[in-house]
Amino acid sequence: MTQSSFRAAGYTWRLHCGPSIIEKSLKDAVDRAGAARAFVVCSASVNRRTDTVRRIEVALGDRYAGVFDGIEKDSTYASVRTATQAARDASADLLIAVGGGSVIVATRAVAIFLAEPGDPFDIMTQYPEGKPAYSPRLLAPKPPIINIPTTPTSAMNRAGTGLKNPSLDHRMEYFDPKTRPQAILLDHDALLTAPPDLMRSTATTVFAGSIGAMSQVELNPLVEGDRNQAFRLAYRAYSKLTDAPEDAPLRVDLCIAAFLQNRAEDDGFHRSRGGAFAGDYAVSTALHVRYPHVGQGESTSVVHASKIRLSEAVDVQSARQVATALGIWRDGMAGRTAALAVADALDALYARIGVPTRLRQLAIPRDDLEAIAKETVKNFNANAGVRSPTQQVEDARRLLEAAY
């Protein structure tokens, strides 16, 4: 059934896509924001191994205010604080994020730290003992942001921020709609700078997210359209990625799929971190944050099928939708039968693409599973509301053992 009563929201953004889009559209986007000092935030590899930052500098001329290229994997608090000072020293009035999810998330944090007067530890999401977690409202105006993704990432048009901080037992989390980008540039050459293994990892995250979304029922027509097209683009491009790793249009399709997944939320979709087909966001996040050698895609693929197999009560309509999308539905299937067929299909596809399907393939000691499970509790996206730490840790431990 399609919902006939719903609420949708729109945000100010412009999407530019195609070859040489940096040269064609970036200056206009900066002009539209009324900025005079555009500052680039990226990783060392983007700045030193590609010509993307040089292209930005040429395109902007005297509007180019400099670059900080020290953003680390998983958006570390230390690198973000250094980037914030560099942007402040450059008198930046606009930020340009160039890179994958870590850089784009880090740039949102830079915007927050530049503008908010509060201590970063006071304005982050708080986890009071025995009470629901809450995110303080961040009211200060933020400098505008332009995102130039180099990989498909759901971070490109969202407002949440999570920073890795080894000194804490959880990420530093912030939410501020004012950090949504004013413009997104999908530049073919910039997308082609990402190595195939990185592209494969980020594409896995996008594809896995589309599987979880396809299981949702009773959506309004806007959400249904975004979700279905996101899945079609992601599945088609992901399936071809191994055979055509340097194909720019495939990379663009994966980026558009991630964009549409996010837009579905603006159109009224309530992203579910649970359910039989959604994987386990808290476990996957704990894995890639804890282990520097583990990418987000790999942390997703190693638990996805196992999570499905552990699900005992599976709604038949949800299972039908996912199995039909993958082309494996058979008339008369029970919900759990279809779910097990989906799990087998995902394992086969992930193996063909070249990402791991078992936790032991990541060279993670089995003795670490208990510690990993305990790190899943404080994750606002996965565990908003009153915590049940014992049940959360037990569920995580069970999944990790099954996935090992």
Protein backbone atom coordinates (compact mmCIF):
# COMPACT_ATOMS: atom_id res chain seq x y z
CA MET A 1 0.00 0.00 0.00
CA THR A 2 1.10 3.56 -0.71
CA GLN A 3 0.65 6.20 1.98
CA SER A 4 -1.74 8.96 0.89
CA SER A 5 -1.07 11.19 3.90
CA PHE A 6 2.51 12.30 4.45
CA ARG A 7 4.91 15.19 4.93
CA ALA A 8 7.92 16.05 2.78
CA ALA A 9 10.62 18.72 3.08
CA GLY A 10 12.87 20.45 0.59
CA TYR A 11 16.33 21.92 1.11
CA THR A 12 18.32 24.45 -0.86
CA TRP A 13 20.85 22.60 -2.97
CA ARG A 14 22.08 22.42 -6.54
CA LEU A 15 23.49 19.27 -8.11
CA HIS A 16 26.00 19.60 -10.95
CA CYS A 17 27.08 16.46 -12.78
CA GLY A 18 29.29 15.73 -15.78
CA PRO A 19 32.79 16.00 -17.23
CA SER A 20 34.84 19.08 -16.20
CA ILE A 21 32.08 20.17 -13.83
CA ILE A 22 34.65 21.82 -11.53
CA GLU A 23 35.63 24.18 -14.32
CA LYS A 24 32.04 24.68 -15.50
CA SER A 25 30.13 25.12 -12.24
CA LEU A 26 32.30 25.66 -9.16
CA LYS A 27 32.87 29.40 -9.50
CA ASP A 28 29.15 30.00 -10.07
CA ALA A 29 28.35 27.98 -6.93
CA VAL A 30 30.79 30.05 -4.87
CA ASP A 31 29.37 33.27 -6.33
CA ARG A 32 25.84 32.14 -5.50
CA ALA A 33 26.89 31.66 -1.88
CA GLY A 34 28.30 35.19 -1.80
CA ALA A 35 31.71 33.91 -0.67
CA ALA A 36 35.11 35.48 -1.21
CA ARG A 37 37.38 33.00 0.62
CA ALA A 38 36.71 29.39 -0.42
CA PHE A 39 38.80 26.92 1.59
CA VAL A 40 39.35 23.29 0.54
CA VAL A 41 39.28 20.42 3.04
CA CYS A 42 40.56 17.03 1.87
CA SER A 43 42.89 14.13 2.60
CA ALA A 44 46.58 13.97 1.80
CA SER A 45 45.97 11.49 -1.02
CA VAL A 46 43.48 13.77 -2.78
CA ASN A 47 45.82 16.76 -2.61
CA ARG A 48 49.11 15.03 -3.36
CA ARG A 49 48.14 12.22 -5.75
CA THR A 50 45.52 13.92 -7.90
CA ASP A 51 45.11 17.27 -9.66
CA THR A 52 41.67 17.99 -8.21
CA VAL A 53 42.75 20.71 -5.79
CA ARG A 54 44.82 22.38 -8.51
CA ARG A 55 41.76 22.37 -10.77
CA ILE A 56 39.76 24.03 -7.99
CA GLU A 57 42.44 26.66 -7.47
CA VAL A 58 42.48 27.54 -11.16
CA ALA A 59 38.69 27.59 -11.39
CA LEU A 60 38.32 29.95 -8.42
CA GLY A 61 41.24 32.29 -9.03
CA ASP A 62 41.42 34.88 -6.25
CA ARG A 63 38.45 33.25 -4.47
CA TYR A 64 40.68 30.29 -3.55
CA ALA A 65 41.76 30.65 0.09
CA GLY A 66 43.92 27.53 0.51
CA VAL A 67 43.72 23.88 1.44
CA PHE A 68 43.98 21.63 4.48
CA ASP A 69 44.85 18.08 3.48
CA GLY A 70 45.17 16.28 6.79
CA ILE A 71 41.71 14.73 7.27
CA GLU A 72 42.08 11.16 8.50
CA LYS A 73 39.95 8.04 8.05
CA ASP A 74 36.68 8.15 10.00
CA SER A 75 36.98 11.92 10.50
CA THR A 76 39.19 12.06 13.58
CA TYR A 77 38.59 14.81 16.12
CA ALA A 78 42.28 15.74 16.11
CA SER A 79 42.42 16.30 12.34
CA VAL A 80 39.16 18.26 12.39
CA ARG A 81 40.42 20.61 15.10
CA THR A 82 43.58 21.26 13.07
CA ALA A 83 41.50 21.81 9.93
CA THR A 84 39.28 24.27 11.82
CA GLN A 85 42.27 26.35 12.84
CA ALA A 86 43.63 26.30 9.29
CA ALA A 87 40.28 27.49 7.91
CA ARG A 88 40.10 30.21 10.57
CA ASP A 89 43.65 31.37 9.77
CA ALA A 90 42.68 31.55 6.09
CA SER A 91 39.61 33.70 6.92
CA ALA A 92 37.48 31.12 5.14
CA ASP A 93 33.85 32.07 4.49
CA LEU A 94 33.01 28.91 2.49
CA LEU A 95 34.23 25.31 2.77
CA ILE A 96 34.77 22.90 -0.12
CA ALA A 97 34.92 19.23 0.86
CA VAL A 98 36.80 17.10 -1.67
CA GLY A 99 36.84 13.38 -0.97
CA GLY A 100 34.78 10.54 0.45
CA GLY A 101 32.56 10.26 3.49
CA SER A 102 35.30 10.94 6.05
CA VAL A 103 36.23 14.26 4.45
CA ILE A 104 32.64 15.37 3.86
CA VAL A 105 31.67 14.57 7.46
CA ALA A 106 34.82 16.27 8.76
CA THR A 107 34.02 19.41 6.79
CA ARG A 108 30.61 19.63 8.46
CA ALA A 109 32.40 19.45 11.81
CA VAL A 110 34.78 22.23 10.72
CA ALA A 111 31.77 24.41 9.90
CA ILE A 112 30.30 23.68 13.34
CA PHE A 113 33.54 24.36 15.21
CA LEU A 114 34.12 27.58 13.27
CA ALA A 115 30.71 28.93 14.20
CA GLU A 116 29.61 27.51 17.55
CA PRO A 117 30.96 29.20 20.71
CA GLY A 118 30.49 26.12 22.92
CA ASP A 119 33.08 23.53 23.84
CA PRO A 120 33.00 20.62 21.32
CA PHE A 121 32.43 18.16 24.15
CA ASP A 122 29.47 20.14 25.51
CA ILE A 123 27.68 20.59 22.17
CA MET A 124 28.04 16.99 20.98
CA THR A 125 25.35 14.34 21.51
CA GLN A 126 25.05 13.51 25.19
CA TYR A 127 24.45 10.07 26.71
CA PRO A 128 23.11 10.60 30.26
CA GLU A 129 23.00 7.41 32.27
CA GLY A 130 19.59 5.75 32.15
CA LYS A 131 18.06 8.49 29.97
CA PRO A 132 17.55 9.00 26.25
CA ALA A 133 20.49 10.40 24.31
CA TYR A 134 20.00 13.93 23.01
CA SER A 135 21.78 16.26 20.59
CA PRO A 136 22.06 19.91 21.72
CA ARG A 137 20.67 22.41 19.25
CA LEU A 138 23.39 24.22 17.32
CA LEU A 139 21.97 27.64 16.55
CA ALA A 140 24.87 29.67 15.14
CA PRO A 141 24.86 30.37 11.36
CA LYS A 142 27.34 28.11 9.55
CA PRO A 143 29.62 28.89 6.62
CA PRO A 144 28.24 27.44 3.37
CA ILE A 145 29.58 24.11 2.17
CA ILE A 146 30.15 22.74 -1.33
CA ASN A 147 30.77 19.00 -1.62
CA ILE A 148 32.85 17.44 -4.39
CA PRO A 149 32.61 13.68 -3.69
CA THR A 150 35.28 11.36 -5.02
CA THR A 151 33.33 8.24 -4.00
CA PRO A 152 29.63 7.40 -3.65
CA THR A 153 28.68 8.26 -0.09
CA SER A 154 25.47 8.93 1.80
CA ALA A 155 27.35 11.74 3.56
CA MET A 156 27.14 13.98 0.51
CA ASN A 157 23.78 15.60 1.31
CA ARG A 158 23.13 14.91 4.97
CA ALA A 159 23.47 16.88 8.22
CA GLY A 160 24.80 14.39 10.76
CA THR A 161 28.43 14.35 11.87
CA GLY A 162 30.38 11.68 13.72
CA LEU A 163 34.04 12.07 14.69
CA LYS A 164 36.43 9.37 15.84
CA ASN A 165 38.10 10.15 19.17
CA PRO A 166 40.24 7.38 20.74
CA SER A 167 39.99 9.16 24.10
CA LEU A 168 36.26 8.42 24.32
CA ASP A 169 34.26 5.19 24.31
CA HIS A 170 32.06 6.49 21.48
CA ARG A 171 32.15 8.86 18.54
CA MET A 172 31.62 12.59 18.97
CA GLU A 173 28.25 13.14 17.29
CA TYR A 174 26.59 16.35 16.08
CA PHE A 175 23.50 17.18 14.08
CA ASP A 176 22.96 20.50 12.34
CA PRO A 177 20.76 20.98 9.24
CA LYS A 178 22.69 24.17 8.49
CA THR A 179 25.67 22.03 7.47
CA ARG A 180 23.85 20.58 4.48
CA PRO A 181 25.69 21.53 1.28
CA GLN A 182 24.54 24.36 -0.91
CA ALA A 183 25.94 22.57 -3.93
CA ILE A 184 27.17 19.09 -4.88
CA LEU A 185 29.51 18.64 -7.83
CA LEU A 186 29.78 15.14 -9.34
CA ASP A 187 32.82 15.70 -11.54
CA HIS A 188 33.72 12.70 -13.72
CA ASP A 189 37.48 13.13 -13.43
CA ALA A 190 37.33 13.69 -9.66
CA LEU A 191 35.31 10.49 -9.26
CA LEU A 192 37.85 8.58 -11.34
CA THR A 193 40.66 9.56 -8.96
CA ALA A 194 39.37 7.11 -6.31
CA PRO A 195 41.26 3.78 -6.48
CA PRO A 196 39.11 0.78 -7.50
CA ASP A 197 39.37 -0.85 -4.05
CA LEU A 198 38.09 2.31 -2.34
CA MET A 199 35.30 2.66 -4.89
CA ARG A 200 34.34 -0.98 -4.32
CA SER A 201 34.18 -0.43 -0.56
CA THR A 202 32.03 2.68 -0.67
CA ALA A 203 29.80 1.21 -3.39
CA THR A 204 29.18 -1.78 -1.12
CA THR A 205 27.83 0.52 1.58
CA VAL A 206 25.48 2.22 -0.88
CA PHE A 207 24.25 -1.08 -2.32
CA ALA A 208 23.72 -2.65 1.10
CA GLY A 209 21.71 0.39 2.17
CA SER A 210 19.47 0.00 -0.86
CA ILE A 211 18.74 -3.61 0.13
CA GLY A 212 17.51 -2.51 3.55
CA ALA A 213 15.41 0.24 1.99
CA MET A 214 13.74 -2.17 -0.45
CA SER A 215 12.30 -4.10 2.50
CA GLN A 216 10.26 -1.14 3.74
CA VAL A 217 6.50 -1.15 3.15
CA GLU A 218 3.72 1.48 3.12
CA LEU A 219 5.80 4.28 1.67
CA ASN A 220 4.47 7.52 0.26
CA PRO A 221 4.82 7.90 -3.54
CA LEU A 222 7.77 10.31 -3.34
CA VAL A 223 9.76 7.96 -1.12
CA GLU A 224 8.81 4.94 -3.19
CA GLY A 225 10.06 6.58 -6.37
CA ASP A 226 13.37 7.67 -4.83
CA ARG A 227 13.92 4.30 -3.18
CA ASN A 228 13.14 2.21 -6.26
CA GLN A 229 15.33 4.28 -8.56
CA ALA A 230 18.15 4.30 -6.00
CA PHE A 231 18.06 0.51 -5.89
CA ARG A 232 17.99 0.15 -9.69
CA LEU A 233 20.98 2.46 -10.10
CA ALA A 234 22.95 0.90 -7.23
CA TYR A 235 22.30 -2.74 -8.19
CA ARG A 236 23.05 -2.21 -11.87
CA ALA A 237 26.25 -0.25 -11.27
CA TYR A 238 27.48 -2.42 -8.38
CA SER A 239 27.03 -5.60 -10.41
CA LYS A 240 29.20 -4.17 -13.20
CA LEU A 241 31.86 -2.57 -11.03
CA THR A 242 34.38 -5.40 -11.22
CA ASP A 243 34.19 -5.55 -15.00
CA ALA A 244 34.39 -1.78 -15.52
CA PRO A 245 36.24 -0.27 -12.52
CA GLU A 246 37.24 2.89 -14.45
CA ASP A 247 33.79 3.65 -15.87
CA ALA A 248 32.80 7.19 -14.80
CA PRO A 249 29.05 6.81 -15.54
CA LEU A 250 28.89 3.76 -13.24
CA ARG A 251 30.49 5.78 -10.46
CA VAL A 252 28.04 8.60 -11.10
CA ASP A 253 25.09 6.17 -10.89
CA LEU A 254 26.31 4.97 -7.50
CA CYS A 255 26.58 8.57 -6.30
CA ILE A 256 23.08 9.36 -7.54
CA ALA A 257 21.80 6.25 -5.76
CA ALA A 258 23.30 7.50 -2.49
CA PHE A 259 21.82 10.95 -3.12
CA LEU A 260 18.35 9.49 -3.73
CA GLN A 261 18.54 7.35 -0.60
CA ASN A 262 19.04 10.53 1.39
CA ARG A 263 16.37 12.46 -0.50
CA ALA A 264 13.88 9.73 0.38
CA GLU A 265 14.36 10.70 4.03
CA ASP A 266 13.50 14.31 3.20
CA ASP A 267 10.39 13.01 1.45
CA GLY A 268 9.22 11.24 4.59
CA PHE A 269 11.16 7.96 4.68
CA HIS A 270 12.11 6.89 8.19
CA ARG A 271 15.45 5.15 7.77
CA SER A 272 15.36 1.88 9.67
CA ARG A 273 18.57 0.69 11.28
CA GLY A 274 16.81 -2.55 12.20
CA GLY A 275 14.74 -5.10 10.34
CA ALA A 276 15.76 -8.37 8.79
CA PHE A 277 17.46 -6.92 5.68
CA ALA A 278 19.16 -3.76 6.98
CA GLY A 279 22.43 -5.23 8.22
CA ASP A 280 23.65 -3.84 11.53
CA TYR A 281 24.80 -0.21 11.43
CA ALA A 282 26.09 -0.17 15.02
CA VAL A 283 28.24 -3.28 14.56
CA SER A 284 29.58 -2.15 11.20
CA THR A 285 30.43 1.30 12.57
CA ALA A 286 32.23 -0.22 15.56
CA LEU A 287 34.30 -2.38 13.21
CA HIS A 288 35.51 0.29 10.82
CA VAL A 289 36.09 2.87 13.55
CA ARG A 290 38.02 0.43 15.75
CA TYR A 291 40.22 -1.03 13.00
CA PRO A 292 41.98 1.38 10.63
CA HIS A 293 42.47 -1.32 7.98
CA VAL A 294 38.72 -2.01 7.71
CA GLY A 295 36.65 0.06 5.30
CA GLN A 296 32.99 0.88 5.78
CA GLY A 297 31.96 -1.37 2.92
CA GLU A 298 33.88 -4.35 4.26
CA SER A 299 32.49 -3.80 7.76
CA THR A 300 29.04 -3.95 6.17
CA SER A 301 29.49 -6.96 3.89
CA VAL A 302 30.89 -9.23 6.63
CA VAL A 303 27.72 -8.99 8.74
CA HIS A 304 24.95 -8.37 6.20
CA ALA A 305 24.01 -11.94 5.25
CA SER A 306 24.56 -13.21 8.79
CA LYS A 307 22.16 -10.57 10.14
CA ILE A 308 19.52 -11.74 7.67
CA ARG A 309 20.02 -15.40 8.60
CA LEU A 310 19.62 -14.62 12.29
CA SER A 311 16.25 -12.96 11.73
CA GLU A 312 13.56 -15.45 12.71
CA ALA A 313 10.34 -13.48 12.15
CA VAL A 314 10.49 -12.11 8.61
CA ASP A 315 7.58 -10.18 7.12
CA VAL A 316 6.65 -11.90 3.87
CA GLN A 317 5.87 -8.63 2.05
CA SER A 318 9.27 -7.18 2.96
CA ALA A 319 10.98 -10.40 1.89
CA ARG A 320 9.04 -10.48 -1.37
CA GLN A 321 10.10 -6.94 -2.25
CA VAL A 322 13.80 -7.59 -1.67
CA ALA A 323 13.79 -11.01 -3.34
CA THR A 324 11.86 -9.65 -6.33
CA ALA A 325 14.31 -6.76 -6.71
CA LEU A 326 17.18 -9.27 -6.79
CA GLY A 327 15.30 -11.53 -9.21
CA ILE A 328 15.12 -14.54 -6.88
CA TRP A 329 11.49 -14.49 -5.66
CA ARG A 330 9.47 -17.62 -6.29
CA ASP A 331 5.71 -17.87 -5.82
CA GLY A 332 4.73 -19.50 -2.56
CA MET A 333 7.92 -18.55 -0.69
CA ALA A 334 7.57 -17.99 3.05
CA GLY A 335 9.18 -14.88 4.48
CA ARG A 336 12.07 -16.70 6.11
CA THR A 337 12.68 -18.88 3.04
CA ALA A 338 12.95 -15.78 0.90
CA ALA A 339 15.22 -14.10 3.44
CA LEU A 340 17.62 -17.05 3.40
CA ALA A 341 17.65 -16.94 -0.41
CA VAL A 342 18.48 -13.21 -0.23
CA ALA A 343 21.33 -13.91 2.20
CA ASP A 344 22.78 -16.53 -0.17
CA ALA A 345 22.46 -14.16 -3.12
CA LEU A 346 24.21 -11.35 -1.24
CA ASP A 347 27.07 -13.61 -0.19
CA ALA A 348 27.54 -14.68 -3.80
CA LEU A 349 27.42 -11.11 -5.13
CA TYR A 350 29.77 -9.76 -2.47
CA ALA A 351 32.24 -12.59 -3.15
CA ARG A 352 32.11 -11.88 -6.90
CA ILE A 353 32.70 -8.18 -6.33
CA GLY A 354 35.67 -9.02 -4.09
CA VAL A 355 34.56 -7.89 -0.63
CA PRO A 356 34.72 -10.21 2.41
CA THR A 357 31.64 -12.02 3.68
CA ARG A 358 33.02 -13.36 6.97
CA LEU A 359 34.48 -11.44 9.88
CA ARG A 360 37.53 -13.68 10.08
CA GLN A 361 38.56 -12.48 6.60
CA LEU A 362 39.31 -9.06 8.13
CA ALA A 363 42.08 -10.51 10.34
CA ILE A 364 40.22 -9.54 13.50
CA PRO A 365 41.01 -11.73 16.53
CA ARG A 366 38.06 -13.64 17.86
CA ASP A 367 39.02 -12.49 21.34
CA ASP A 368 38.08 -8.94 20.29
CA LEU A 369 34.40 -9.73 19.71
CA GLU A 370 33.30 -8.87 23.23
CA ALA A 371 34.99 -5.46 23.11
CA ILE A 372 33.48 -4.76 19.68
CA ALA A 373 30.01 -5.63 20.95
CA LYS A 374 30.37 -3.21 23.87
CA GLU A 375 31.29 -0.39 21.46
CA THR A 376 27.91 -0.59 19.72
CA VAL A 377 25.90 0.94 22.55
CA LYS A 378 26.64 4.66 22.12
CA ASN A 379 25.65 5.22 18.50
CA PHE A 380 22.81 7.71 18.13
CA ASN A 381 21.84 6.69 14.59
CA ALA A 382 21.46 3.07 15.64
CA ASN A 383 20.35 3.40 19.26
CA ALA A 384 18.42 6.63 19.74
CA GLY A 385 16.24 6.70 22.83
CA VAL A 386 16.59 4.98 26.19
CA ARG A 387 19.42 2.51 26.05
CA SER A 388 19.22 -1.18 26.89
CA PRO A 389 22.96 -1.81 26.98
CA THR A 390 22.69 -5.44 28.03
CA GLN A 391 20.37 -6.39 25.16
CA GLN A 392 22.30 -4.30 22.63
CA VAL A 393 25.61 -5.92 23.57
CA GLU A 394 24.07 -9.40 23.56
CA ASP A 395 22.55 -8.89 20.10
CA ALA A 396 25.85 -7.54 18.78
CA ARG A 397 27.82 -10.41 20.30
CA ARG A 398 25.44 -12.94 18.74
CA LEU A 399 25.80 -11.37 15.31
CA LEU A 400 29.59 -11.13 15.53
CA GLU A 401 29.85 -14.80 16.47
CA ALA A 402 27.55 -15.81 13.61
CA ALA A 403 29.50 -13.67 11.14
CA TYR A 404 32.91 -14.88 12.23
